[in-house]
Amino acid sequence: MSNEFLVERLIAAGLIILIAFPFHEFFHALAAYRLGDATAKLLGRLTLNPVVHFDPMGGILLIVSSLIGFGIGWAKPTPVNVSNLQGGRTGDAIVAMAGPVSNLILAAAFALPLRYIESTGLDVPLQVLNVLGLFVFINIALFVFNLIPIVPLDGSHVLFALMNPQTAWRYRPVLTQYGPILLLVSAFLPILPGGQTVLGYLIGAIGDPIFEFLVGRQFYFWI
């Protein structure tokens, strides 16, 4: 991996911290506020200010991991009081969905200049193409990753909302207890054919077609 490519990965990671993470958490807070819970607003989280949403450990890990491979990191979770939400479990699922959907919106927005460049043959520095491509793909990956129905990811809230109350009451403690372990296994253990992880497979199987649809080509770096 060239030093130039490392710089591009770091720039993309910086954009995730400054734009994607705050956007994700802001949409959680906005959905919760619209559904009757002002907890995030009262705590100053209903904002796009990246400083407010920055988690030191998650941000530093994203930067460091971007130097050696695909970046892993997170922002400060948005506080939500589910008992205040209209619609109960359905409201909780809507608030949870708002974050990943925001990442898909960002991916679509930043894919527009890439699609324009591809269709017109506009002469743009390769470094710019790489940063844009990385930013689009990482947002798509965040969309897919956060919707995995494993606690503590956003997708688990959607899963519990789809269950009938009795089933959710029965399985939620178990899934909450073992969810982090399942998440680590899916993210890091190469248990699928070809030495692939479950998370890597899902992001590739779902994320690659979304990227190709938005940009008009498969994802790979332009250098």
C-alpha atoms as a PDB file:
ATOM      1  CA  MET A   1       0.000   0.000   0.000  1.00  0.00           C
ATOM      2  CA  SER A   2       1.553   3.301  -1.073  1.00  0.00           C
ATOM      3  CA  ASN A   3       1.985   6.258   1.261  1.00  0.00           C
ATOM      4  CA  GLU A   4      -0.263   8.240  -1.078  1.00  0.00           C
ATOM      5  CA  PHE A   5      -3.000   5.664  -0.701  1.00  0.00           C
ATOM      6  CA  LEU A   6      -2.638   5.761   3.084  1.00  0.00           C
ATOM      7  CA  VAL A   7      -3.176   9.515   2.985  1.00  0.00           C
ATOM      8  CA  GLU A   8      -6.356   9.019   0.979  1.00  0.00           C
ATOM      9  CA  ARG A   9      -7.654   6.487   3.500  1.00  0.00           C
ATOM     10  CA  LEU A  10      -6.920   8.892   6.339  1.00  0.00           C
ATOM     11  CA  ILE A  11      -8.732  11.705   4.546  1.00  0.00           C
ATOM     12  CA  ALA A  12     -11.752   9.446   4.024  1.00  0.00           C
ATOM     13  CA  ALA A  13     -11.644   8.449   7.711  1.00  0.00           C
ATOM     14  CA  GLY A  14     -11.542  12.123   8.660  1.00  0.00           C
ATOM     15  CA  LEU A  15     -14.609  12.788   6.529  1.00  0.00           C
ATOM     16  CA  ILE A  16     -16.403   9.920   8.256  1.00  0.00           C
ATOM     17  CA  ILE A  17     -15.665  11.469  11.659  1.00  0.00           C
ATOM     18  CA  LEU A  18     -16.576  15.006  10.558  1.00  0.00           C
ATOM     19  CA  ILE A  19     -19.607  14.222   8.381  1.00  0.00           C
ATOM     20  CA  ALA A  20     -20.905  10.643   8.422  1.00  0.00           C
ATOM     21  CA  PHE A  21     -20.852   9.952  12.164  1.00  0.00           C
ATOM     22  CA  PRO A  22     -22.493  13.296  13.118  1.00  0.00           C
ATOM     23  CA  PHE A  23     -25.085  12.847  10.343  1.00  0.00           C
ATOM     24  CA  HIS A  24     -25.909   9.352  11.624  1.00  0.00           C
ATOM     25  CA  GLU A  25     -26.328  10.431  15.248  1.00  0.00           C
ATOM     26  CA  PHE A  26     -28.196  13.619  14.317  1.00  0.00           C
ATOM     27  CA  PHE A  27     -30.798  11.580  12.421  1.00  0.00           C
ATOM     28  CA  HIS A  28     -31.259   9.339  15.473  1.00  0.00           C
ATOM     29  CA  ALA A  29     -31.786  12.433  17.618  1.00  0.00           C
ATOM     30  CA  LEU A  30     -34.091  14.093  15.095  1.00  0.00           C
ATOM     31  CA  ALA A  31     -36.280  11.000  14.702  1.00  0.00           C
ATOM     32  CA  ALA A  32     -36.521  10.614  18.468  1.00  0.00           C
ATOM     33  CA  TYR A  33     -37.428  14.298  18.897  1.00  0.00           C
ATOM     34  CA  ARG A  34     -40.120  14.103  16.222  1.00  0.00           C
ATOM     35  CA  LEU A  35     -41.562  11.038  17.950  1.00  0.00           C
ATOM     36  CA  GLY A  36     -41.765  12.731  21.329  1.00  0.00           C
ATOM     37  CA  ASP A  37     -38.435  12.114  23.066  1.00  0.00           C
ATOM     38  CA  ALA A  38     -36.418  15.288  23.700  1.00  0.00           C
ATOM     39  CA  THR A  39     -33.605  13.552  25.620  1.00  0.00           C
ATOM     40  CA  ALA A  40     -30.982  14.027  22.901  1.00  0.00           C
ATOM     41  CA  LYS A  41     -32.083  17.610  22.262  1.00  0.00           C
ATOM     42  CA  LEU A  42     -31.858  18.502  25.961  1.00  0.00           C
ATOM     43  CA  LEU A  43     -28.344  17.039  26.056  1.00  0.00           C
ATOM     44  CA  GLY A  44     -27.257  19.094  23.041  1.00  0.00           C
ATOM     45  CA  ARG A  45     -27.126  16.140  20.643  1.00  0.00           C
ATOM     46  CA  LEU A  46     -29.670  17.442  18.122  1.00  0.00           C
ATOM     47  CA  THR A  47     -26.886  18.984  16.069  1.00  0.00           C
ATOM     48  CA  LEU A  48     -24.482  18.224  13.221  1.00  0.00           C
ATOM     49  CA  ASN A  49     -21.543  19.547  15.240  1.00  0.00           C
ATOM     50  CA  PRO A  50     -18.951  16.727  15.017  1.00  0.00           C
ATOM     51  CA  VAL A  51     -17.397  17.695  18.354  1.00  0.00           C
ATOM     52  CA  VAL A  52     -20.626  16.866  20.199  1.00  0.00           C
ATOM     53  CA  HIS A  53     -20.845  13.377  18.676  1.00  0.00           C
ATOM     54  CA  PHE A  54     -17.130  12.533  18.781  1.00  0.00           C
ATOM     55  CA  ASP A  55     -16.161   9.463  20.791  1.00  0.00           C
ATOM     56  CA  PRO A  56     -12.390   9.549  21.503  1.00  0.00           C
ATOM     57  CA  MET A  57     -11.904   5.787  21.476  1.00  0.00           C
ATOM     58  CA  GLY A  58     -14.080   5.205  18.406  1.00  0.00           C
ATOM     59  CA  GLY A  59     -12.495   8.079  16.499  1.00  0.00           C
ATOM     60  CA  ILE A  60      -8.914   7.138  17.307  1.00  0.00           C
ATOM     61  CA  LEU A  61      -9.591   3.492  16.433  1.00  0.00           C
ATOM     62  CA  LEU A  62     -11.009   4.549  13.068  1.00  0.00           C
ATOM     63  CA  ILE A  63      -7.882   6.551  12.251  1.00  0.00           C
ATOM     64  CA  VAL A  64      -5.484   3.832  13.392  1.00  0.00           C
ATOM     65  CA  SER A  65      -7.370   0.982  11.708  1.00  0.00           C
ATOM     66  CA  SER A  66      -7.501   2.992   8.485  1.00  0.00           C
ATOM     67  CA  LEU A  67      -3.705   2.777   8.379  1.00  0.00           C
ATOM     68  CA  ILE A  68      -3.705  -1.020   8.302  1.00  0.00           C
ATOM     69  CA  GLY A  69      -6.975  -1.924   6.584  1.00  0.00           C
ATOM     70  CA  PHE A  70     -10.659  -1.182   6.512  1.00  0.00           C
ATOM     71  CA  GLY A  71     -11.473   1.405   9.169  1.00  0.00           C
ATOM     72  CA  ILE A  72     -13.482   0.442  12.254  1.00  0.00           C
ATOM     73  CA  GLY A  73     -14.841   3.119  14.566  1.00  0.00           C
ATOM     74  CA  TRP A  74     -17.921   4.718  16.071  1.00  0.00           C
ATOM     75  CA  ALA A  75     -19.418   7.938  17.385  1.00  0.00           C
ATOM     76  CA  LYS A  76     -20.942   8.660  20.784  1.00  0.00           C
ATOM     77  CA  PRO A  77     -24.320   6.843  20.927  1.00  0.00           C
ATOM     78  CA  THR A  78     -27.387   9.073  20.902  1.00  0.00           C
ATOM     79  CA  PRO A  79     -29.386   8.830  24.166  1.00  0.00           C
ATOM     80  CA  VAL A  80     -33.013   7.822  23.615  1.00  0.00           C
ATOM     81  CA  ASN A  81     -35.726   7.265  26.212  1.00  0.00           C
ATOM     82  CA  VAL A  82     -37.921   4.679  24.511  1.00  0.00           C
ATOM     83  CA  SER A  83     -40.749   5.218  27.018  1.00  0.00           C
ATOM     84  CA  ASN A  84     -41.219   8.736  25.627  1.00  0.00           C
ATOM     85  CA  LEU A  85     -41.530   7.634  21.997  1.00  0.00           C
ATOM     86  CA  GLN A  86     -44.851   7.569  20.182  1.00  0.00           C
ATOM     87  CA  GLY A  87     -45.611   4.126  18.815  1.00  0.00           C
ATOM     88  CA  GLY A  88     -43.648   2.188  21.414  1.00  0.00           C
ATOM     89  CA  ARG A  89     -41.466  -0.486  19.795  1.00  0.00           C
ATOM     90  CA  THR A  90     -42.366   0.770  16.320  1.00  0.00           C
ATOM     91  CA  GLY A  91     -41.145   4.244  17.267  1.00  0.00           C
ATOM     92  CA  ASP A  92     -37.955   2.706  18.627  1.00  0.00           C
ATOM     93  CA  ALA A  93     -37.414   0.910  15.314  1.00  0.00           C
ATOM     94  CA  ILE A  94     -37.955   4.133  13.358  1.00  0.00           C
ATOM     95  CA  VAL A  95     -35.387   5.951  15.497  1.00  0.00           C
ATOM     96  CA  ALA A  96     -32.939   3.077  15.001  1.00  0.00           C
ATOM     97  CA  MET A  97     -33.506   3.009  11.229  1.00  0.00           C
ATOM     98  CA  ALA A  98     -32.928   6.764  10.923  1.00  0.00           C
ATOM     99  CA  GLY A  99     -29.178   6.451  11.507  1.00  0.00           C
ATOM    100  CA  PRO A 100     -28.341   3.841   8.842  1.00  0.00           C
ATOM    101  CA  VAL A 101     -30.716   5.495   6.360  1.00  0.00           C
ATOM    102  CA  SER A 102     -28.800   8.752   6.836  1.00  0.00           C
ATOM    103  CA  ASN A 103     -25.610   6.966   5.773  1.00  0.00           C
ATOM    104  CA  LEU A 104     -27.332   5.713   2.630  1.00  0.00           C
ATOM    105  CA  ILE A 105     -28.481   9.275   1.892  1.00  0.00           C
ATOM    106  CA  LEU A 106     -24.907  10.519   2.290  1.00  0.00           C
ATOM    107  CA  ALA A 107     -23.628   7.764   0.017  1.00  0.00           C
ATOM    108  CA  ALA A 108     -26.139   8.728  -2.671  1.00  0.00           C
ATOM    109  CA  ALA A 109     -25.274  12.432  -2.351  1.00  0.00           C
ATOM    110  CA  PHE A 110     -21.515  11.888  -2.669  1.00  0.00           C
ATOM    111  CA  ALA A 111     -22.014   9.357  -5.463  1.00  0.00           C
ATOM    112  CA  LEU A 112     -23.496  12.067  -7.692  1.00  0.00           C
ATOM    113  CA  PRO A 113     -20.155  13.743  -8.471  1.00  0.00           C
ATOM    114  CA  LEU A 114     -18.565  10.323  -9.065  1.00  0.00           C
ATOM    115  CA  ARG A 115     -21.326   9.364 -11.497  1.00  0.00           C
ATOM    116  CA  TYR A 116     -20.971  12.719 -13.265  1.00  0.00           C
ATOM    117  CA  ILE A 117     -17.209  12.273 -13.562  1.00  0.00           C
ATOM    118  CA  GLU A 118     -17.655   8.740 -14.881  1.00  0.00           C
ATOM    119  CA  SER A 119     -20.268   9.747 -17.459  1.00  0.00           C
ATOM    120  CA  THR A 120     -18.458  12.834 -18.745  1.00  0.00           C
ATOM    121  CA  GLY A 121     -14.858  11.665 -18.546  1.00  0.00           C
ATOM    122  CA  LEU A 122     -13.992  14.812 -16.603  1.00  0.00           C
ATOM    123  CA  ASP A 123     -10.293  15.037 -15.795  1.00  0.00           C
ATOM    124  CA  VAL A 124     -10.139  14.797 -12.008  1.00  0.00           C
ATOM    125  CA  PRO A 125      -7.112  13.852  -9.869  1.00  0.00           C
ATOM    126  CA  LEU A 126      -7.119  10.176  -8.991  1.00  0.00           C
ATOM    127  CA  GLN A 127      -6.703  11.039  -5.332  1.00  0.00           C
ATOM    128  CA  VAL A 128     -10.034  12.876  -5.356  1.00  0.00           C
ATOM    129  CA  LEU A 129     -11.753   9.903  -6.995  1.00  0.00           C
ATOM    130  CA  ASN A 130     -10.303   7.543  -4.397  1.00  0.00           C
ATOM    131  CA  VAL A 131     -11.411   9.672  -1.455  1.00  0.00           C
ATOM    132  CA  LEU A 132     -14.921  10.089  -2.876  1.00  0.00           C
ATOM    133  CA  GLY A 133     -15.161   6.377  -3.669  1.00  0.00           C
ATOM    134  CA  LEU A 134     -14.009   5.419  -0.187  1.00  0.00           C
ATOM    135  CA  PHE A 135     -16.421   7.836   1.457  1.00  0.00           C
ATOM    136  CA  VAL A 136     -19.348   6.496  -0.563  1.00  0.00           C
ATOM    137  CA  PHE A 137     -18.467   2.874   0.080  1.00  0.00           C
ATOM    138  CA  ILE A 138     -17.835   3.329   3.814  1.00  0.00           C
ATOM    139  CA  ASN A 139     -21.225   4.997   4.202  1.00  0.00           C
ATOM    140  CA  ILE A 140     -22.824   2.073   2.391  1.00  0.00           C
ATOM    141  CA  ALA A 141     -20.898  -0.287   4.683  1.00  0.00           C
ATOM    142  CA  LEU A 142     -22.181   1.644   7.709  1.00  0.00           C
ATOM    143  CA  PHE A 143     -25.720   1.308   6.359  1.00  0.00           C
ATOM    144  CA  VAL A 144     -25.386  -2.463   5.967  1.00  0.00           C
ATOM    145  CA  PHE A 145     -23.432  -3.006   9.184  1.00  0.00           C
ATOM    146  CA  ASN A 146     -25.764  -1.048  11.451  1.00  0.00           C
ATOM    147  CA  LEU A 147     -28.834  -2.865  10.128  1.00  0.00           C
ATOM    148  CA  ILE A 148     -27.469  -6.285  11.088  1.00  0.00           C
ATOM    149  CA  PRO A 149     -29.978  -7.562  13.699  1.00  0.00           C
ATOM    150  CA  ILE A 150     -27.420  -8.097  16.446  1.00  0.00           C
ATOM    151  CA  VAL A 151     -27.389  -6.222  19.763  1.00  0.00           C
ATOM    152  CA  PRO A 152     -26.211  -3.448  20.154  1.00  0.00           C
ATOM    153  CA  LEU A 153     -26.579  -2.493  16.474  1.00  0.00           C
ATOM    154  CA  ASP A 154     -29.540  -0.494  15.167  1.00  0.00           C
ATOM    155  CA  GLY A 155     -30.874  -3.544  13.364  1.00  0.00           C
ATOM    156  CA  SER A 156     -31.584  -5.266  16.681  1.00  0.00           C
ATOM    157  CA  HIS A 157     -34.210  -2.604  17.497  1.00  0.00           C
ATOM    158  CA  VAL A 158     -35.882  -3.330  14.171  1.00  0.00           C
ATOM    159  CA  LEU A 159     -35.756  -7.070  14.890  1.00  0.00           C
ATOM    160  CA  PHE A 160     -37.418  -6.680  18.292  1.00  0.00           C
ATOM    161  CA  ALA A 161     -40.113  -4.448  16.796  1.00  0.00           C
ATOM    162  CA  LEU A 162     -40.938  -7.147  14.239  1.00  0.00           C
ATOM    163  CA  MET A 163     -41.315  -9.792  16.933  1.00  0.00           C
ATOM    164  CA  ASN A 164     -44.537 -10.175  18.856  1.00  0.00           C
ATOM    165  CA  PRO A 165     -44.187  -8.806  22.423  1.00  0.00           C
ATOM    166  CA  GLN A 166     -44.019 -12.248  24.060  1.00  0.00           C
ATOM    167  CA  THR A 167     -41.228 -13.445  21.744  1.00  0.00           C
ATOM    168  CA  ALA A 168     -39.282 -10.205  22.148  1.00  0.00           C
ATOM    169  CA  TRP A 169     -39.621 -10.421  25.940  1.00  0.00           C
ATOM    170  CA  ARG A 170     -38.341 -14.002  25.887  1.00  0.00           C
ATOM    171  CA  TYR A 171     -35.355 -13.592  23.568  1.00  0.00           C
ATOM    172  CA  ARG A 172     -34.237 -10.016  24.151  1.00  0.00           C
ATOM    173  CA  PRO A 173     -32.209 -10.782  27.341  1.00  0.00           C
ATOM    174  CA  VAL A 174     -30.413 -13.658  25.596  1.00  0.00           C
ATOM    175  CA  LEU A 175     -29.659 -11.674  22.458  1.00  0.00           C
ATOM    176  CA  THR A 176     -28.540  -8.711  24.554  1.00  0.00           C
ATOM    177  CA  GLN A 177     -26.176 -10.901  26.566  1.00  0.00           C
ATOM    178  CA  TYR A 178     -24.605 -12.724  23.636  1.00  0.00           C
ATOM    179  CA  GLY A 179     -25.016 -10.066  20.932  1.00  0.00           C
ATOM    180  CA  PRO A 180     -21.548  -8.500  21.366  1.00  0.00           C
ATOM    181  CA  ILE A 181     -19.946 -11.946  21.117  1.00  0.00           C
ATOM    182  CA  LEU A 182     -21.892 -12.730  17.948  1.00  0.00           C
ATOM    183  CA  LEU A 183     -20.846  -9.366  16.546  1.00  0.00           C
ATOM    184  CA  LEU A 184     -17.171 -10.038  17.200  1.00  0.00           C
ATOM    185  CA  VAL A 185     -17.438 -13.497  15.638  1.00  0.00           C
ATOM    186  CA  SER A 186     -19.183 -12.142  12.537  1.00  0.00           C
ATOM    187  CA  ALA A 187     -16.643  -9.328  12.174  1.00  0.00           C
ATOM    188  CA  PHE A 188     -13.339 -11.085  12.799  1.00  0.00           C
ATOM    189  CA  LEU A 189     -13.580 -14.873  12.468  1.00  0.00           C
ATOM    190  CA  PRO A 190     -13.070 -16.143   8.888  1.00  0.00           C
ATOM    191  CA  ILE A 191     -15.654 -18.925   9.163  1.00  0.00           C
ATOM    192  CA  LEU A 192     -17.009 -18.777   5.599  1.00  0.00           C
ATOM    193  CA  PRO A 193     -15.458 -20.433   2.526  1.00  0.00           C
ATOM    194  CA  GLY A 194     -12.416 -18.595   1.251  1.00  0.00           C
ATOM    195  CA  GLY A 195     -11.549 -17.310   4.701  1.00  0.00           C
ATOM    196  CA  GLN A 196     -14.274 -14.688   4.596  1.00  0.00           C
ATOM    197  CA  THR A 197     -16.025 -13.258   7.631  1.00  0.00           C
ATOM    198  CA  VAL A 198     -19.806 -13.028   7.879  1.00  0.00           C
ATOM    199  CA  LEU A 199     -19.585  -9.240   8.059  1.00  0.00           C
ATOM    200  CA  GLY A 200     -17.274  -9.071   5.059  1.00  0.00           C
ATOM    201  CA  TYR A 201     -19.629 -11.286   3.087  1.00  0.00           C
ATOM    202  CA  LEU A 202     -22.694  -9.195   3.945  1.00  0.00           C
ATOM    203  CA  ILE A 203     -21.020  -5.901   3.102  1.00  0.00           C
ATOM    204  CA  GLY A 204     -19.774  -7.324  -0.186  1.00  0.00           C
ATOM    205  CA  ALA A 205     -23.028  -9.050  -1.134  1.00  0.00           C
ATOM    206  CA  ILE A 206     -25.220  -6.054  -0.286  1.00  0.00           C
ATOM    207  CA  GLY A 207     -22.839  -3.096  -0.398  1.00  0.00           C
ATOM    208  CA  ASP A 208     -21.178  -3.781  -3.757  1.00  0.00           C
ATOM    209  CA  PRO A 209     -24.459  -3.791  -5.754  1.00  0.00           C
ATOM    210  CA  ILE A 210     -25.598  -0.610  -3.984  1.00  0.00           C
ATOM    211  CA  PHE A 211     -22.308   1.094  -4.847  1.00  0.00           C
ATOM    212  CA  GLU A 212     -22.546   0.000  -8.471  1.00  0.00           C
ATOM    213  CA  PHE A 213     -26.145   1.247  -8.648  1.00  0.00           C
ATOM    214  CA  LEU A 214     -25.252   4.656  -7.184  1.00  0.00           C
ATOM    215  CA  VAL A 215     -21.974   5.254  -9.004  1.00  0.00           C
ATOM    216  CA  GLY A 216     -22.490   3.274 -12.185  1.00  0.00           C
ATOM    217  CA  ARG A 217     -19.490   0.999 -11.761  1.00  0.00           C
ATOM    218  CA  GLN A 218     -18.115  -1.591  -9.360  1.00  0.00           C
ATOM    219  CA  PHE A 219     -16.110  -0.426  -6.370  1.00  0.00           C
ATOM    220  CA  TYR A 220     -12.370  -0.408  -6.733  1.00  0.00           C
ATOM    221  CA  PHE A 221      -9.756   2.243  -6.336  1.00  0.00           C
ATOM    222  CA  TRP A 222      -8.882   4.362  -9.301  1.00  0.00           C
ATOM    223  CA  ILE A 223      -5.131   4.210  -8.733  1.00  0.00           C
END
